[in-house]
Every structure is written in structure tokens, then in C-alpha cells.
């Protein structure tokens, strides 16, 4: 069975992405700590279980699922953690917790899934304009934005390392999208793009973009932030 794996699916872009993929006929493995919203969709094309990307035991659970099932046509690294605090008030533990999800978790799940992907597979990581060098930066996001910069460089390195064997690796650096996480980062700000609109774009790019791009960082933003 062929799957698209999406992380961070309990709300926002990830939730909308799973719905769109399933409605388009793709088998989806939706991974999130809170899998209840996805289960409530009761969509036969979506499988899910509670999954913390920073948990070694949960990643072993994913490994068991893959061994039993499947080929992965796309991995969409969408899960993210945000801490919005002044740098001097952000503890070392809080800083590490952001990197555990946004960087180390992405690296770990990618390493785990790669053996189940063919040359024509696609690993797509959802990053942020805050991780782009030279972009507008905002106080309170030192852990989040720096972690999002780290996965951009990781994407470029993996594309180089696997350029002969595949799969392809790309990243989308998103600007403001109207999600719960945006509200946490910028309370009261209204984004010009809805979660559903961005999910449509991401789905199309995840399924087709790797035919034109590899090792690329695409800035997907019509606003600042």
C-alpha cells in the first residue's frame, strides 16, 4: 500500500492537508500527539495513531507500522513547536524542546522513513520565512525561527547526499497563514492566507514539485510576517 505521511495533523495546515489528500484518493498516515480530530473525520483513506515526533518509543511504533504495510510516496514534515518568549526568559529546556520537534524530530522521522521510499519519493519539510536569512525577524521567536533555519540547511544537505539514489528533498518557507500557531506567535494578526488554501498548495507541491525541484527552499509568502 502506498501512503503519504503527514506529521502535525491535529489542527491547522496538517489537518486540512490530510482531508484534501484523502478526498483526492490518497492513503494518508496522519501523525500527531492528539489524533482525536483526525479520527473524528472517520475517513477510510486516513489512518492515524497518537505520535510524538520527539519520542523514541513512538518512532518505534511508526517503524512497526511501516514494516507491516507499505511504500511511502511522500513524507510531509509539518509538525512544529513554538515558544514565544524573550530570549533571556527562555530556559535551556524550552529551547531544546523546540529543537527536539522542529529539527531532531524531523531528522529522526526522515531517517526512519527513507528505506520505505523509492527514487521518485519526496520528503517535503514545512519551514518558515523566519528561518530565511535576511527575512524580517521578530522578538520572542529565537528558538522557533532558528530551528526553522536549521531544517532548511538540512534539506539542502540531504538532497545532495541522496541525489543519485533519491528521494527528492525540498522545503517550503511559509509566511503568515491563519492558524492557531500564528495566533500564538502574533496575537491579533490576521493572515491573508487560510490554512485550507495553504494546504492545497502544499499538497500539489508534495505530489508534483519534486519533478522540477530538488534541494530547493521555496519562499511561500505574500506578507510580512
C-alpha atoms as a PDB file:
ATOM      1  CA  UNK A   1       0.000   0.000   0.000  1.00  0.00           C
ATOM      2  CA  UNK A   2       1.239   3.496  -0.864  1.00  0.00           C
ATOM      3  CA  UNK A   3       0.982   6.215   1.779  1.00  0.00           C
ATOM      4  CA  UNK A   4       1.522   9.913   2.166  1.00  0.00           C
ATOM      5  CA  UNK A   5       2.743  10.545   5.716  1.00  0.00           C
ATOM      6  CA  UNK A   6       1.870  13.876   7.317  1.00  0.00           C
ATOM      7  CA  UNK A   7       3.022  14.994  10.767  1.00  0.00           C
ATOM      8  CA  UNK A   8       1.352  17.615  12.923  1.00  0.00           C
ATOM      9  CA  UNK A   9      -2.202  16.802  11.876  1.00  0.00           C
ATOM     10  CA  UNK A  10      -4.402  17.756  14.832  1.00  0.00           C
ATOM     11  CA  UNK A  11      -5.081  21.286  13.608  1.00  0.00           C
ATOM     12  CA  UNK A  12      -4.287  23.958  11.057  1.00  0.00           C
ATOM     13  CA  UNK A  13      -2.471  23.138   7.841  1.00  0.00           C
ATOM     14  CA  UNK A  14      -1.757  19.498   8.723  1.00  0.00           C
ATOM     15  CA  UNK A  15      -5.407  18.746   9.468  1.00  0.00           C
ATOM     16  CA  UNK A  16      -6.587  20.393   6.242  1.00  0.00           C
ATOM     17  CA  UNK A  17      -3.850  18.630   4.286  1.00  0.00           C
ATOM     18  CA  UNK A  18      -4.986  15.196   5.451  1.00  0.00           C
ATOM     19  CA  UNK A  19      -8.573  15.934   4.460  1.00  0.00           C
ATOM     20  CA  UNK A  20      -7.560  17.133   0.995  1.00  0.00           C
ATOM     21  CA  UNK A  21      -5.251  14.187   0.322  1.00  0.00           C
ATOM     22  CA  UNK A  22      -7.849  11.666   1.475  1.00  0.00           C
ATOM     23  CA  UNK A  23     -10.595  13.307  -0.565  1.00  0.00           C
ATOM     24  CA  UNK A  24      -8.276  13.087  -3.594  1.00  0.00           C
ATOM     25  CA  UNK A  25      -7.978   9.331  -3.131  1.00  0.00           C
ATOM     26  CA  UNK A  26      -4.573   9.082  -1.416  1.00  0.00           C
ATOM     27  CA  UNK A  27      -3.950   6.845   1.567  1.00  0.00           C
ATOM     28  CA  UNK A  28      -2.747   9.048   4.415  1.00  0.00           C
ATOM     29  CA  UNK A  29      -0.934   8.217   7.631  1.00  0.00           C
ATOM     30  CA  UNK A  30      -1.688  11.143   9.932  1.00  0.00           C
ATOM     31  CA  UNK A  31       0.673  11.526  12.885  1.00  0.00           C
ATOM     32  CA  UNK A  32       0.031  13.854  15.801  1.00  0.00           C
ATOM     33  CA  UNK A  33       0.110  13.730  19.588  1.00  0.00           C
ATOM     34  CA  UNK A  34      -3.635  14.382  19.561  1.00  0.00           C
ATOM     35  CA  UNK A  35      -5.138  12.097  16.929  1.00  0.00           C
ATOM     36  CA  UNK A  36      -8.766  12.593  18.003  1.00  0.00           C
ATOM     37  CA  UNK A  37      -9.602  15.368  15.454  1.00  0.00           C
ATOM     38  CA  UNK A  38      -8.392  13.151  12.594  1.00  0.00           C
ATOM     39  CA  UNK A  39     -10.197  10.070  13.914  1.00  0.00           C
ATOM     40  CA  UNK A  40     -13.422  12.092  14.109  1.00  0.00           C
ATOM     41  CA  UNK A  41     -13.261  12.611  10.329  1.00  0.00           C
ATOM     42  CA  UNK A  42     -13.960   8.873  10.009  1.00  0.00           C
ATOM     43  CA  UNK A  43     -12.336   8.828   6.577  1.00  0.00           C
ATOM     44  CA  UNK A  44     -11.415   5.359   5.307  1.00  0.00           C
ATOM     45  CA  UNK A  45      -8.363   6.759   3.493  1.00  0.00           C
ATOM     46  CA  UNK A  46      -6.805   8.091   6.690  1.00  0.00           C
ATOM     47  CA  UNK A  47      -5.007   6.008   9.284  1.00  0.00           C
ATOM     48  CA  UNK A  48      -3.678   7.567  12.443  1.00  0.00           C
ATOM     49  CA  UNK A  49      -2.290   6.926  15.876  1.00  0.00           C
ATOM     50  CA  UNK A  50      -1.056   9.169  18.656  1.00  0.00           C
ATOM     51  CA  UNK A  51       2.514  10.135  17.803  1.00  0.00           C
ATOM     52  CA  UNK A  52       5.041  12.466  19.424  1.00  0.00           C
ATOM     53  CA  UNK A  53       7.822  13.100  16.922  1.00  0.00           C
ATOM     54  CA  UNK A  54      10.305  13.651  19.758  1.00  0.00           C
ATOM     55  CA  UNK A  55       9.515  10.279  21.377  1.00  0.00           C
ATOM     56  CA  UNK A  56      11.788   7.320  20.624  1.00  0.00           C
ATOM     57  CA  UNK A  57       9.071   4.827  21.568  1.00  0.00           C
ATOM     58  CA  UNK A  58       6.542   6.500  19.265  1.00  0.00           C
ATOM     59  CA  UNK A  59       9.039   6.404  16.410  1.00  0.00           C
ATOM     60  CA  UNK A  60       9.461   2.665  17.013  1.00  0.00           C
ATOM     61  CA  UNK A  61       5.677   2.355  16.729  1.00  0.00           C
ATOM     62  CA  UNK A  62       5.897   4.063  13.347  1.00  0.00           C
ATOM     63  CA  UNK A  63       8.681   1.703  12.288  1.00  0.00           C
ATOM     64  CA  UNK A  64       6.446  -1.275  13.096  1.00  0.00           C
ATOM     65  CA  UNK A  65       3.632   0.215  11.028  1.00  0.00           C
ATOM     66  CA  UNK A  66       5.903   0.742   8.026  1.00  0.00           C
ATOM     67  CA  UNK A  67       7.347  -2.757   8.254  1.00  0.00           C
ATOM     68  CA  UNK A  68       3.867  -4.225   8.139  1.00  0.00           C
ATOM     69  CA  UNK A  69       2.477  -2.099   5.373  1.00  0.00           C
ATOM     70  CA  UNK A  70       3.931   0.000   2.863  1.00  0.00           C
ATOM     71  CA  UNK A  71       5.685   2.184   0.424  1.00  0.00           C
ATOM     72  CA  UNK A  72       5.816   5.893   1.206  1.00  0.00           C
ATOM     73  CA  UNK A  73       5.352   8.215  -1.766  1.00  0.00           C
ATOM     74  CA  UNK A  74       5.736  11.413   0.245  1.00  0.00           C
ATOM     75  CA  UNK A  75       6.709  12.458   3.754  1.00  0.00           C
ATOM     76  CA  UNK A  76       5.442  15.903   4.727  1.00  0.00           C
ATOM     77  CA  UNK A  77       7.284  17.132   7.819  1.00  0.00           C
ATOM     78  CA  UNK A  78       4.674  19.570   9.078  1.00  0.00           C
ATOM     79  CA  UNK A  79       4.819  19.138  12.876  1.00  0.00           C
ATOM     80  CA  UNK A  80       6.159  22.176  14.673  1.00  0.00           C
ATOM     81  CA  UNK A  81       6.646  23.545  18.178  1.00  0.00           C
ATOM     82  CA  UNK A  82       6.701  27.225  19.051  1.00  0.00           C
ATOM     83  CA  UNK A  83       7.842  29.044  22.172  1.00  0.00           C
ATOM     84  CA  UNK A  84       7.124  32.777  22.117  1.00  0.00           C
ATOM     85  CA  UNK A  85       9.279  34.288  24.873  1.00  0.00           C
ATOM     86  CA  UNK A  86      12.097  36.810  25.156  1.00  0.00           C
ATOM     87  CA  UNK A  87      15.436  35.071  24.752  1.00  0.00           C
ATOM     88  CA  UNK A  88      16.584  35.776  28.320  1.00  0.00           C
ATOM     89  CA  UNK A  89      13.345  34.299  29.677  1.00  0.00           C
ATOM     90  CA  UNK A  90      13.551  31.118  27.556  1.00  0.00           C
ATOM     91  CA  UNK A  91      15.036  28.278  29.560  1.00  0.00           C
ATOM     92  CA  UNK A  92      17.522  25.825  28.127  1.00  0.00           C
ATOM     93  CA  UNK A  93      14.876  23.108  28.433  1.00  0.00           C
ATOM     94  CA  UNK A  94      12.349  25.171  26.457  1.00  0.00           C
ATOM     95  CA  UNK A  95      14.897  25.940  23.758  1.00  0.00           C
ATOM     96  CA  UNK A  96      15.812  22.252  23.476  1.00  0.00           C
ATOM     97  CA  UNK A  97      12.158  21.215  23.353  1.00  0.00           C
ATOM     98  CA  UNK A  98      11.645  23.325  20.229  1.00  0.00           C
ATOM     99  CA  UNK A  99      14.668  21.751  18.538  1.00  0.00           C
ATOM    100  CA  UNK A 100      13.557  18.270  19.631  1.00  0.00           C
ATOM    101  CA  UNK A 101      10.449  18.659  17.469  1.00  0.00           C
ATOM    102  CA  UNK A 102      11.495  21.054  14.711  1.00  0.00           C
ATOM    103  CA  UNK A 103      14.987  19.708  13.976  1.00  0.00           C
ATOM    104  CA  UNK A 104      15.899  16.441  15.715  1.00  0.00           C
ATOM    105  CA  UNK A 105      12.400  15.011  15.257  1.00  0.00           C
ATOM    106  CA  UNK A 106      12.406  15.886  11.566  1.00  0.00           C
ATOM    107  CA  UNK A 107      15.823  14.264  11.115  1.00  0.00           C
ATOM    108  CA  UNK A 108      14.770  11.141  13.033  1.00  0.00           C
ATOM    109  CA  UNK A 109      11.498  10.519  11.216  1.00  0.00           C
ATOM    110  CA  UNK A 110      13.154  11.189   7.863  1.00  0.00           C
ATOM    111  CA  UNK A 111      15.876   8.639   8.662  1.00  0.00           C
ATOM    112  CA  UNK A 112      13.195   6.137   9.651  1.00  0.00           C
ATOM    113  CA  UNK A 113      11.012   6.608   6.558  1.00  0.00           C
ATOM    114  CA  UNK A 114      13.713   6.765   3.866  1.00  0.00           C
ATOM    115  CA  UNK A 115      14.116   2.968   3.492  1.00  0.00           C
ATOM    116  CA  UNK A 116      10.441   2.793   2.504  1.00  0.00           C
ATOM    117  CA  UNK A 117      10.711   5.423  -0.249  1.00  0.00           C
ATOM    118  CA  UNK A 118      11.697   4.921  -3.873  1.00  0.00           C
ATOM    119  CA  UNK A 119      13.814   7.206  -6.027  1.00  0.00           C
ATOM    120  CA  UNK A 120      10.700   9.093  -7.088  1.00  0.00           C
ATOM    121  CA  UNK A 121       9.602   9.792  -3.497  1.00  0.00           C
ATOM    122  CA  UNK A 122       9.507  13.262  -1.954  1.00  0.00           C
ATOM    123  CA  UNK A 123      10.475  14.486   1.507  1.00  0.00           C
ATOM    124  CA  UNK A 124       8.911  17.908   1.951  1.00  0.00           C
ATOM    125  CA  UNK A 125       9.654  19.903   5.082  1.00  0.00           C
ATOM    126  CA  UNK A 126       7.441  22.800   6.095  1.00  0.00           C
ATOM    127  CA  UNK A 127       9.576  25.625   7.434  1.00  0.00           C
ATOM    128  CA  UNK A 128       9.021  29.328   7.978  1.00  0.00           C
ATOM    129  CA  UNK A 129      10.046  32.648   6.482  1.00  0.00           C
ATOM    130  CA  UNK A 130      11.513  33.300   9.921  1.00  0.00           C
ATOM    131  CA  UNK A 131      14.206  30.741   9.088  1.00  0.00           C
ATOM    132  CA  UNK A 132      15.307  32.550   5.916  1.00  0.00           C
ATOM    133  CA  UNK A 133      18.484  34.594   6.277  1.00  0.00           C
ATOM    134  CA  UNK A 134      17.747  38.272   5.683  1.00  0.00           C
ATOM    135  CA  UNK A 135      13.998  37.956   6.243  1.00  0.00           C
ATOM    136  CA  UNK A 136      12.114  40.024   8.817  1.00  0.00           C
ATOM    137  CA  UNK A 137      12.740  38.756  12.325  1.00  0.00           C
ATOM    138  CA  UNK A 138      10.548  39.154  15.394  1.00  0.00           C
ATOM    139  CA  UNK A 139      11.326  39.258  19.132  1.00  0.00           C
ATOM    140  CA  UNK A 140      10.381  36.190  21.129  1.00  0.00           C
ATOM    141  CA  UNK A 141      10.953  33.676  18.353  1.00  0.00           C
ATOM    142  CA  UNK A 142      14.663  32.929  18.829  1.00  0.00           C
ATOM    143  CA  UNK A 143      14.167  29.186  19.351  1.00  0.00           C
ATOM    144  CA  UNK A 144      11.436  28.727  16.743  1.00  0.00           C
ATOM    145  CA  UNK A 145      12.921  30.740  13.877  1.00  0.00           C
ATOM    146  CA  UNK A 146      16.467  29.460  14.379  1.00  0.00           C
ATOM    147  CA  UNK A 147      15.173  25.868  14.359  1.00  0.00           C
ATOM    148  CA  UNK A 148      13.314  26.565  11.133  1.00  0.00           C
ATOM    149  CA  UNK A 149      16.564  27.830   9.628  1.00  0.00           C
ATOM    150  CA  UNK A 150      18.322  24.620  10.666  1.00  0.00           C
ATOM    151  CA  UNK A 151      15.914  22.354   8.753  1.00  0.00           C
ATOM    152  CA  UNK A 152      16.373  24.428   5.607  1.00  0.00           C
ATOM    153  CA  UNK A 153      20.085  23.667   5.611  1.00  0.00           C
ATOM    154  CA  UNK A 154      19.342  20.028   6.485  1.00  0.00           C
ATOM    155  CA  UNK A 155      17.087  19.832   3.419  1.00  0.00           C
ATOM    156  CA  UNK A 156      19.861  21.069   1.145  1.00  0.00           C
ATOM    157  CA  UNK A 157      22.361  18.613   2.623  1.00  0.00           C
ATOM    158  CA  UNK A 158      20.067  15.597   2.301  1.00  0.00           C
ATOM    159  CA  UNK A 159      19.236  16.457  -1.296  1.00  0.00           C
ATOM    160  CA  UNK A 160      22.950  16.427  -2.045  1.00  0.00           C
ATOM    161  CA  UNK A 161      23.586  13.197  -0.164  1.00  0.00           C
ATOM    162  CA  UNK A 162      20.740  11.325  -1.897  1.00  0.00           C
ATOM    163  CA  UNK A 163      20.899  12.957  -5.325  1.00  0.00           C
ATOM    164  CA  UNK A 164      21.953   9.714  -7.046  1.00  0.00           C
ATOM    165  CA  UNK A 165      19.514   7.376  -5.341  1.00  0.00           C
ATOM    166  CA  UNK A 166      16.585   9.626  -4.412  1.00  0.00           C
ATOM    167  CA  UNK A 167      14.213  10.539  -2.973  1.00  0.00           C
ATOM    168  CA  UNK A 168      13.990  14.292  -3.527  1.00  0.00           C
ATOM    169  CA  UNK A 169      14.144  16.796  -0.670  1.00  0.00           C
ATOM    170  CA  UNK A 170      12.611  20.255  -0.686  1.00  0.00           C
ATOM    171  CA  UNK A 171      11.358  22.764   1.863  1.00  0.00           C
ATOM    172  CA  UNK A 172       8.671  25.413   1.833  1.00  0.00           C
ATOM    173  CA  UNK A 173       9.311  28.509   3.957  1.00  0.00           C
ATOM    174  CA  UNK A 174       5.822  29.732   4.731  1.00  0.00           C
ATOM    175  CA  UNK A 175       4.783  33.254   5.522  1.00  0.00           C
ATOM    176  CA  UNK A 176       1.713  34.084   7.583  1.00  0.00           C
ATOM    177  CA  UNK A 177      -1.105  31.527   7.431  1.00  0.00           C
ATOM    178  CA  UNK A 178      -4.206  31.845   9.595  1.00  0.00           C
ATOM    179  CA  UNK A 179      -3.594  29.057  12.100  1.00  0.00           C
ATOM    180  CA  UNK A 180      -3.562  28.612  15.872  1.00  0.00           C
ATOM    181  CA  UNK A 181       0.244  28.722  15.810  1.00  0.00           C
ATOM    182  CA  UNK A 182       0.187  32.114  14.058  1.00  0.00           C
ATOM    183  CA  UNK A 183      -2.089  33.413  16.809  1.00  0.00           C
ATOM    184  CA  UNK A 184       0.438  32.190  19.396  1.00  0.00           C
ATOM    185  CA  UNK A 185       3.279  33.989  17.624  1.00  0.00           C
ATOM    186  CA  UNK A 186       1.411  37.152  16.597  1.00  0.00           C
ATOM    187  CA  UNK A 187      -1.735  37.593  18.725  1.00  0.00           C
ATOM    188  CA  UNK A 188      -4.424  39.519  16.875  1.00  0.00           C
ATOM    189  CA  UNK A 189      -2.699  39.434  13.486  1.00  0.00           C
ATOM    190  CA  UNK A 190      -4.912  38.324  10.595  1.00  0.00           C
ATOM    191  CA  UNK A 191      -3.103  36.467   7.824  1.00  0.00           C
ATOM    192  CA  UNK A 192      -4.073  36.820   4.162  1.00  0.00           C
ATOM    193  CA  UNK A 193      -3.937  33.034   3.590  1.00  0.00           C
ATOM    194  CA  UNK A 194      -6.176  30.395   5.175  1.00  0.00           C
ATOM    195  CA  UNK A 195      -4.955  27.006   6.362  1.00  0.00           C
ATOM    196  CA  UNK A 196      -7.039  25.327   3.649  1.00  0.00           C
ATOM    197  CA  UNK A 197      -5.559  27.495   0.886  1.00  0.00           C
ATOM    198  CA  UNK A 198      -2.017  26.715   2.013  1.00  0.00           C
ATOM    199  CA  UNK A 199      -2.826  23.017   2.399  1.00  0.00           C
ATOM    200  CA  UNK A 200      -3.975  22.948  -1.237  1.00  0.00           C
ATOM    201  CA  UNK A 201      -0.657  24.448  -2.329  1.00  0.00           C
ATOM    202  CA  UNK A 202       1.390  22.069  -0.166  1.00  0.00           C
ATOM    203  CA  UNK A 203      -0.491  19.007  -1.415  1.00  0.00           C
ATOM    204  CA  UNK A 204       0.145  19.923  -5.028  1.00  0.00           C
ATOM    205  CA  UNK A 205       3.826  20.620  -4.369  1.00  0.00           C
ATOM    206  CA  UNK A 206       4.316  17.441  -2.333  1.00  0.00           C
ATOM    207  CA  UNK A 207       2.898  15.298  -5.131  1.00  0.00           C
ATOM    208  CA  UNK A 208       4.413  17.109  -8.134  1.00  0.00           C
ATOM    209  CA  UNK A 209       7.059  19.617  -7.095  1.00  0.00           C
ATOM    210  CA  UNK A 210       9.907  17.132  -6.820  1.00  0.00           C
ATOM    211  CA  UNK A 211       9.705  16.572 -10.581  1.00  0.00           C
ATOM    212  CA  UNK A 212      11.043  20.100 -11.029  1.00  0.00           C
ATOM    213  CA  UNK A 213      12.918  20.794  -7.786  1.00  0.00           C
ATOM    214  CA  UNK A 214      15.427  19.077  -5.518  1.00  0.00           C
ATOM    215  CA  UNK A 215      17.338  20.632  -2.650  1.00  0.00           C
ATOM    216  CA  UNK A 216      15.383  23.847  -3.020  1.00  0.00           C
ATOM    217  CA  UNK A 217      13.979  26.270  -0.458  1.00  0.00           C
ATOM    218  CA  UNK A 218      10.872  27.959  -1.795  1.00  0.00           C
ATOM    219  CA  UNK A 219       9.596  31.073  -0.072  1.00  0.00           C
ATOM    220  CA  UNK A 220       5.802  30.927   0.043  1.00  0.00           C
ATOM    221  CA  UNK A 221       4.718  34.279   1.380  1.00  0.00           C
ATOM    222  CA  UNK A 222       2.663  37.260   0.323  1.00  0.00           C
ATOM    223  CA  UNK A 223       3.089  39.205   3.549  1.00  0.00           C
ATOM    224  CA  UNK A 224       5.343  40.145   6.477  1.00  0.00           C
ATOM    225  CA  UNK A 225       5.242  38.311   8.817  1.00  0.00           C
END
